[in-house]
């Protein structure tokens, strides 16, 4: 029989964190310690919650030394790309310094380290991409995630990196929006929306990203894995599919290109991932974007009932 391991996750109150807690709280192999900033905002049982500011090195060392996890899944990050561009000091602290603290803590106890990264480490000149593609970020958020990847690779720890793309899903408290919710609510209220048709992504259901991270932990996999959806779509494609699914007026959706919008941070135009490695080595099997819309539709109804 497999010995139970202790798994510590960061960012437990966030979207990915919530899905990890959902899937790990009754897991046969893992005892779950969920950490997040501030008080616990998670429903349910099957885990212990510790309030932890991962930018505070001493606090991180203390928690890891006391808990002695076998595995750390580091999903917490400052991910609002424009905020990262405008407040680079806060972004560096949240994304690089916090990762440094966690790596140092993991070294103390010899924990395996799984780091959640992003397609925004790439330039956007071509896609979809394999794990071997050369990084070249075009915004500060991408820079900080790439620095953290490199710090982990150089750490001497047993590590894995789960890179992902455009994560969408619904938080327990409906506190976060995503392209599906935005399109649905805009069209339901009769608003015309402009949606870019020159950026390409492989959107990822949050539940699938959590499942991919857990597969890495279960199989003690090492190295870089692309963990995303498979559908190679523009935001315009996603908006049209959402309108179709909910039977809303597609005439309200206007094509736009990236130059239409003035944003502090550049976005890579074309990314998206080829996920053959994760499928073949881990047994990763993500939902299609259309299935993802259906899952969110059910979750919206449940949240309202």
Protein backbone atom coordinates (compact mmCIF):
# COMPACT_ATOMS: atom_id res chain seq x y z
CA UNK A 1 0.00 0.00 0.00
CA UNK A 2 1.28 3.48 -0.89
CA UNK A 3 2.48 5.61 2.02
CA UNK A 4 0.52 8.83 2.42
CA UNK A 5 2.47 12.00 1.65
CA UNK A 6 1.89 15.52 2.88
CA UNK A 7 1.28 18.09 0.17
CA UNK A 8 1.42 21.84 0.83
CA UNK A 9 -0.17 24.24 -1.64
CA UNK A 10 0.15 28.02 -1.92
CA UNK A 11 -2.60 30.35 -3.10
CA UNK A 12 -5.34 28.13 -1.68
CA UNK A 13 -7.95 30.92 -1.77
CA UNK A 14 -7.34 31.58 -5.48
CA UNK A 15 -9.03 29.89 -8.42
CA UNK A 16 -6.42 27.16 -8.97
CA UNK A 17 -5.99 26.77 -5.21
CA UNK A 18 -9.71 26.15 -4.74
CA UNK A 19 -9.72 23.47 -7.42
CA UNK A 20 -6.62 21.82 -5.93
CA UNK A 21 -8.30 21.74 -2.51
CA UNK A 22 -11.48 20.27 -4.05
CA UNK A 23 -9.51 17.46 -5.69
CA UNK A 24 -6.98 16.81 -2.91
CA UNK A 25 -9.18 17.01 0.19
CA UNK A 26 -10.24 13.35 -0.06
CA UNK A 27 -7.23 12.09 -2.00
CA UNK A 28 -6.07 8.58 -1.01
CA UNK A 29 -2.33 9.41 -1.28
CA UNK A 30 -2.08 12.92 0.12
CA UNK A 31 -2.65 14.76 3.38
CA UNK A 32 -3.40 18.37 2.44
CA UNK A 33 -2.08 21.56 3.99
CA UNK A 34 -3.60 24.60 2.26
CA UNK A 35 -1.93 27.99 2.68
CA UNK A 36 -3.13 31.38 1.57
CA UNK A 37 -3.01 35.04 2.45
CA UNK A 38 -5.51 36.05 5.13
CA UNK A 39 -8.34 33.96 6.46
CA UNK A 40 -9.57 30.74 4.88
CA UNK A 41 -12.24 31.34 2.22
CA UNK A 42 -12.62 27.69 1.34
CA UNK A 43 -15.69 25.56 2.06
CA UNK A 44 -15.51 21.89 2.93
CA UNK A 45 -13.30 19.61 5.00
CA UNK A 46 -10.39 17.27 4.47
CA UNK A 47 -7.60 19.85 4.75
CA UNK A 48 -5.86 22.09 7.25
CA UNK A 49 -5.55 25.78 6.43
CA UNK A 50 -2.62 27.97 7.46
CA UNK A 51 -2.63 31.72 6.85
CA UNK A 52 0.73 32.52 5.25
CA UNK A 53 2.22 35.53 3.48
CA UNK A 54 4.77 33.84 1.21
CA UNK A 55 6.69 37.10 0.71
CA UNK A 56 7.77 36.83 4.37
CA UNK A 57 10.78 34.54 4.42
CA UNK A 58 10.80 33.72 8.13
CA UNK A 59 7.11 32.81 8.12
CA UNK A 60 7.60 30.51 5.11
CA UNK A 61 10.60 28.78 6.71
CA UNK A 62 8.71 28.32 9.98
CA UNK A 63 5.60 26.80 8.36
CA UNK A 64 7.58 24.46 6.12
CA UNK A 65 9.89 23.41 8.99
CA UNK A 66 6.85 22.63 11.18
CA UNK A 67 4.76 20.92 8.50
CA UNK A 68 7.58 19.08 6.69
CA UNK A 69 5.68 18.55 3.43
CA UNK A 70 6.80 15.91 0.95
CA UNK A 71 5.51 18.01 -1.95
CA UNK A 72 4.97 21.75 -2.47
CA UNK A 73 2.64 22.93 -5.24
CA UNK A 74 3.32 26.64 -5.71
CA UNK A 75 0.37 28.15 -7.53
CA UNK A 76 0.18 31.56 -5.83
CA UNK A 77 1.24 34.52 -7.96
CA UNK A 78 0.45 38.08 -8.96
CA UNK A 79 -1.13 37.32 -12.33
CA UNK A 80 -2.89 40.55 -13.39
CA UNK A 81 -0.58 41.35 -16.29
CA UNK A 82 -1.22 45.10 -16.41
CA UNK A 83 -0.88 45.47 -12.62
CA UNK A 84 2.46 43.66 -12.85
CA UNK A 85 3.63 46.09 -15.52
CA UNK A 86 2.56 49.15 -13.50
CA UNK A 87 3.82 47.92 -10.12
CA UNK A 88 6.94 45.93 -10.92
CA UNK A 89 8.28 45.98 -7.36
CA UNK A 90 5.12 44.30 -6.00
CA UNK A 91 5.15 41.83 -8.89
CA UNK A 92 8.78 40.88 -8.26
CA UNK A 93 8.11 40.43 -4.56
CA UNK A 94 5.01 38.26 -5.16
CA UNK A 95 6.39 36.18 -8.03
CA UNK A 96 10.16 35.90 -7.53
CA UNK A 97 11.01 36.63 -3.89
CA UNK A 98 8.10 34.49 -2.65
CA UNK A 99 9.27 31.62 -4.88
CA UNK A 100 12.82 32.03 -3.50
CA UNK A 101 11.47 31.72 0.05
CA UNK A 102 9.49 28.60 -0.82
CA UNK A 103 12.47 27.00 -2.58
CA UNK A 104 14.62 27.70 0.49
CA UNK A 105 11.94 26.16 2.70
CA UNK A 106 11.60 23.10 0.47
CA UNK A 107 15.38 22.60 0.63
CA UNK A 108 15.20 22.45 4.43
CA UNK A 109 12.94 19.39 4.32
CA UNK A 110 13.82 17.89 0.92
CA UNK A 111 10.34 18.45 -0.56
CA UNK A 112 9.58 17.93 -4.24
CA UNK A 113 8.59 21.25 -5.80
CA UNK A 114 5.90 21.80 -8.46
CA UNK A 115 5.81 25.33 -9.87
CA UNK A 116 2.87 26.65 -11.90
CA UNK A 117 4.11 28.80 -14.78
CA UNK A 118 2.65 30.45 -17.86
CA UNK A 119 2.66 30.79 -21.64
CA UNK A 120 3.51 34.47 -21.06
CA UNK A 121 7.19 33.52 -20.77
CA UNK A 122 7.10 33.32 -24.60
CA UNK A 123 7.35 36.06 -27.23
CA UNK A 124 4.13 35.17 -29.08
CA UNK A 125 5.79 34.90 -32.47
CA UNK A 126 4.55 31.36 -33.00
CA UNK A 127 2.32 28.72 -31.46
CA UNK A 128 1.20 26.25 -30.33
CA UNK A 129 4.44 25.45 -28.48
CA UNK A 130 6.20 22.40 -27.08
CA UNK A 131 8.12 22.26 -23.80
CA UNK A 132 11.38 22.79 -25.72
CA UNK A 133 10.50 26.23 -27.11
CA UNK A 134 12.93 29.06 -26.28
CA UNK A 135 11.38 31.63 -23.87
CA UNK A 136 11.36 35.37 -24.60
CA UNK A 137 8.80 37.27 -22.51
CA UNK A 138 7.31 40.54 -23.79
CA UNK A 139 5.94 41.77 -20.44
CA UNK A 140 7.10 42.00 -16.84
CA UNK A 141 4.76 39.30 -15.54
CA UNK A 142 6.30 36.83 -18.00
CA UNK A 143 9.80 37.95 -16.97
CA UNK A 144 9.14 37.23 -13.29
CA UNK A 145 7.70 33.78 -14.01
CA UNK A 146 10.70 32.92 -16.20
CA UNK A 147 13.14 34.08 -13.49
CA UNK A 148 11.32 31.84 -11.00
CA UNK A 149 11.47 28.87 -13.37
CA UNK A 150 15.22 29.35 -13.68
CA UNK A 151 15.68 29.70 -9.91
CA UNK A 152 13.85 26.41 -9.42
CA UNK A 153 15.86 24.62 -12.12
CA UNK A 154 19.08 25.78 -10.44
CA UNK A 155 17.92 24.94 -6.90
CA UNK A 156 19.06 21.34 -6.61
CA UNK A 157 15.53 20.31 -5.63
CA UNK A 158 13.51 17.59 -7.32
CA UNK A 159 11.27 19.82 -9.44
CA UNK A 160 8.55 19.98 -12.04
CA UNK A 161 7.10 22.98 -13.85
CA UNK A 162 3.48 22.98 -15.01
CA UNK A 163 3.10 25.67 -17.68
CA UNK A 164 -0.44 26.70 -18.48
CA UNK A 165 -2.48 29.06 -20.66
CA UNK A 166 -5.48 31.37 -20.08
CA UNK A 167 -6.99 29.60 -17.07
CA UNK A 168 -10.76 29.99 -16.74
CA UNK A 169 -13.22 28.75 -14.16
CA UNK A 170 -15.57 29.77 -11.39
CA UNK A 171 -14.52 30.50 -7.82
CA UNK A 172 -16.74 29.35 -4.93
CA UNK A 173 -17.88 32.89 -4.20
CA UNK A 174 -18.25 33.89 -7.89
CA UNK A 175 -15.63 36.59 -7.18
CA UNK A 176 -13.67 36.18 -10.41
CA UNK A 177 -14.72 36.83 -13.97
CA UNK A 178 -13.47 35.09 -17.09
CA UNK A 179 -14.13 35.34 -20.82
CA UNK A 180 -17.19 33.06 -20.66
CA UNK A 181 -18.87 34.98 -17.84
CA UNK A 182 -17.96 38.33 -19.40
CA UNK A 183 -19.38 37.43 -22.82
CA UNK A 184 -22.50 35.88 -21.30
CA UNK A 185 -23.33 38.83 -19.04
CA UNK A 186 -22.50 41.43 -21.72
CA UNK A 187 -24.68 39.83 -24.39
CA UNK A 188 -27.51 39.15 -21.95
CA UNK A 189 -27.61 42.86 -21.16
CA UNK A 190 -27.54 43.76 -24.88
CA UNK A 191 -24.05 45.26 -24.84
CA UNK A 192 -21.87 45.29 -27.95
CA UNK A 193 -18.42 43.90 -27.18
CA UNK A 194 -15.10 44.06 -29.01
CA UNK A 195 -13.07 40.87 -28.87
CA UNK A 196 -9.58 40.34 -30.30
CA UNK A 197 -9.16 37.90 -33.17
CA UNK A 198 -5.37 38.03 -33.56
CA UNK A 199 -4.29 36.41 -30.28
CA UNK A 200 -4.19 32.60 -30.12
CA UNK A 201 -4.34 30.51 -26.96
CA UNK A 202 -5.23 27.01 -25.73
CA UNK A 203 -7.61 27.97 -22.88
CA UNK A 204 -7.41 25.81 -19.76
CA UNK A 205 -10.24 24.84 -17.43
CA UNK A 206 -9.06 25.44 -13.83
CA UNK A 207 -10.15 21.92 -12.82
CA UNK A 208 -7.93 20.49 -15.58
CA UNK A 209 -4.90 22.50 -14.44
CA UNK A 210 -5.42 21.23 -10.88
CA UNK A 211 -5.73 17.65 -12.16
CA UNK A 212 -2.50 18.05 -14.15
CA UNK A 213 -0.59 19.31 -11.11
CA UNK A 214 -1.89 16.38 -9.07
CA UNK A 215 -0.85 13.88 -11.77
CA UNK A 216 2.68 15.32 -11.57
CA UNK A 217 2.64 14.94 -7.77
CA UNK A 218 1.20 11.39 -7.85
CA UNK A 219 3.70 10.16 -10.42
CA UNK A 220 6.67 12.05 -8.94
CA UNK A 221 7.22 13.39 -12.44
CA UNK A 222 10.13 15.73 -13.09
CA UNK A 223 10.81 18.38 -15.72
CA UNK A 224 8.58 20.74 -17.69
CA UNK A 225 5.01 19.85 -18.67
CA UNK A 226 2.56 21.84 -20.74
CA UNK A 227 -0.75 21.58 -18.88
CA UNK A 228 -3.47 23.32 -20.88
CA UNK A 229 -6.49 22.76 -23.07
CA UNK A 230 -6.04 21.49 -26.62
CA UNK A 231 -8.33 23.83 -28.57
CA UNK A 232 -6.26 26.49 -30.38
CA UNK A 233 -8.59 29.50 -30.32
CA UNK A 234 -8.71 33.28 -30.45
CA UNK A 235 -10.72 35.19 -27.82
CA UNK A 236 -13.13 36.00 -30.68
CA UNK A 237 -13.59 32.26 -31.31
CA UNK A 238 -14.23 31.74 -27.58
CA UNK A 239 -16.78 34.55 -27.50
CA UNK A 240 -18.65 33.15 -30.52
CA UNK A 241 -18.71 29.64 -28.99
CA UNK A 242 -20.01 31.08 -25.71
CA UNK A 243 -22.78 32.99 -27.51
CA UNK A 244 -23.73 29.85 -29.43
CA UNK A 245 -23.84 27.72 -26.28
CA UNK A 246 -26.15 30.10 -24.41
CA UNK A 247 -28.21 31.04 -27.49
CA UNK A 248 -27.21 34.71 -27.34
CA UNK A 249 -26.96 37.34 -30.09
CA UNK A 250 -23.60 36.89 -31.89
CA UNK A 251 -24.30 40.10 -33.81
CA UNK A 252 -23.23 42.02 -30.70
CA UNK A 253 -19.70 40.59 -30.95
CA UNK A 254 -17.31 42.75 -32.97
CA UNK A 255 -13.90 41.64 -34.20
CA UNK A 256 -10.96 43.71 -32.98
CA UNK A 257 -7.19 43.38 -33.14
CA UNK A 258 -4.68 43.84 -30.37
CA UNK A 259 -3.92 47.39 -31.52
CA UNK A 260 -7.51 48.41 -30.70
CA UNK A 261 -6.84 48.38 -26.97
CA UNK A 262 -4.35 50.44 -25.01
CA UNK A 263 -2.94 48.27 -22.24
CA UNK A 264 0.14 48.86 -20.07
CA UNK A 265 1.52 45.36 -20.78
CA UNK A 266 2.10 43.79 -24.18
CA UNK A 267 0.46 40.42 -24.77
CA UNK A 268 2.15 37.70 -26.79
CA UNK A 269 0.07 37.28 -29.95
CA UNK A 270 0.35 33.57 -30.52
CA UNK A 271 1.06 31.01 -27.80
CA UNK A 272 -1.00 27.95 -26.90
CA UNK A 273 0.54 24.60 -26.06
CA UNK A 274 1.09 21.20 -27.57
CA UNK A 275 0.30 18.83 -24.68
CA UNK A 276 1.44 15.47 -26.11
CA UNK A 277 4.07 15.03 -23.39
CA UNK A 278 1.54 15.46 -20.55
CA UNK A 279 -0.97 13.19 -22.30
CA UNK A 280 1.55 10.43 -23.01
CA UNK A 281 3.62 10.54 -19.81
CA UNK A 282 1.03 11.58 -17.22
CA UNK A 283 -2.27 10.46 -18.73
CA UNK A 284 -3.46 14.09 -18.75
CA UNK A 285 -6.80 14.49 -20.51
CA UNK A 286 -8.23 18.01 -20.58
CA UNK A 287 -11.80 18.99 -21.45
CA UNK A 288 -12.58 20.73 -24.73
CA UNK A 289 -13.46 24.42 -24.52
CA UNK A 290 -17.07 23.61 -25.41
CA UNK A 291 -17.27 21.07 -22.56
CA UNK A 292 -15.70 23.70 -20.30
CA UNK A 293 -18.48 26.17 -21.14
CA UNK A 294 -21.02 23.51 -20.17
CA UNK A 295 -19.25 22.85 -16.85
CA UNK A 296 -19.27 26.58 -16.05
CA UNK A 297 -22.94 26.84 -17.01
CA UNK A 298 -23.79 24.13 -14.45
CA UNK A 299 -21.62 25.81 -11.80
CA UNK A 300 -23.35 29.17 -12.42
CA UNK A 301 -26.75 27.53 -11.92
CA UNK A 302 -25.57 25.79 -8.74
CA UNK A 303 -24.16 29.03 -7.35
CA UNK A 304 -27.48 30.79 -7.96
CA UNK A 305 -29.67 28.04 -6.51
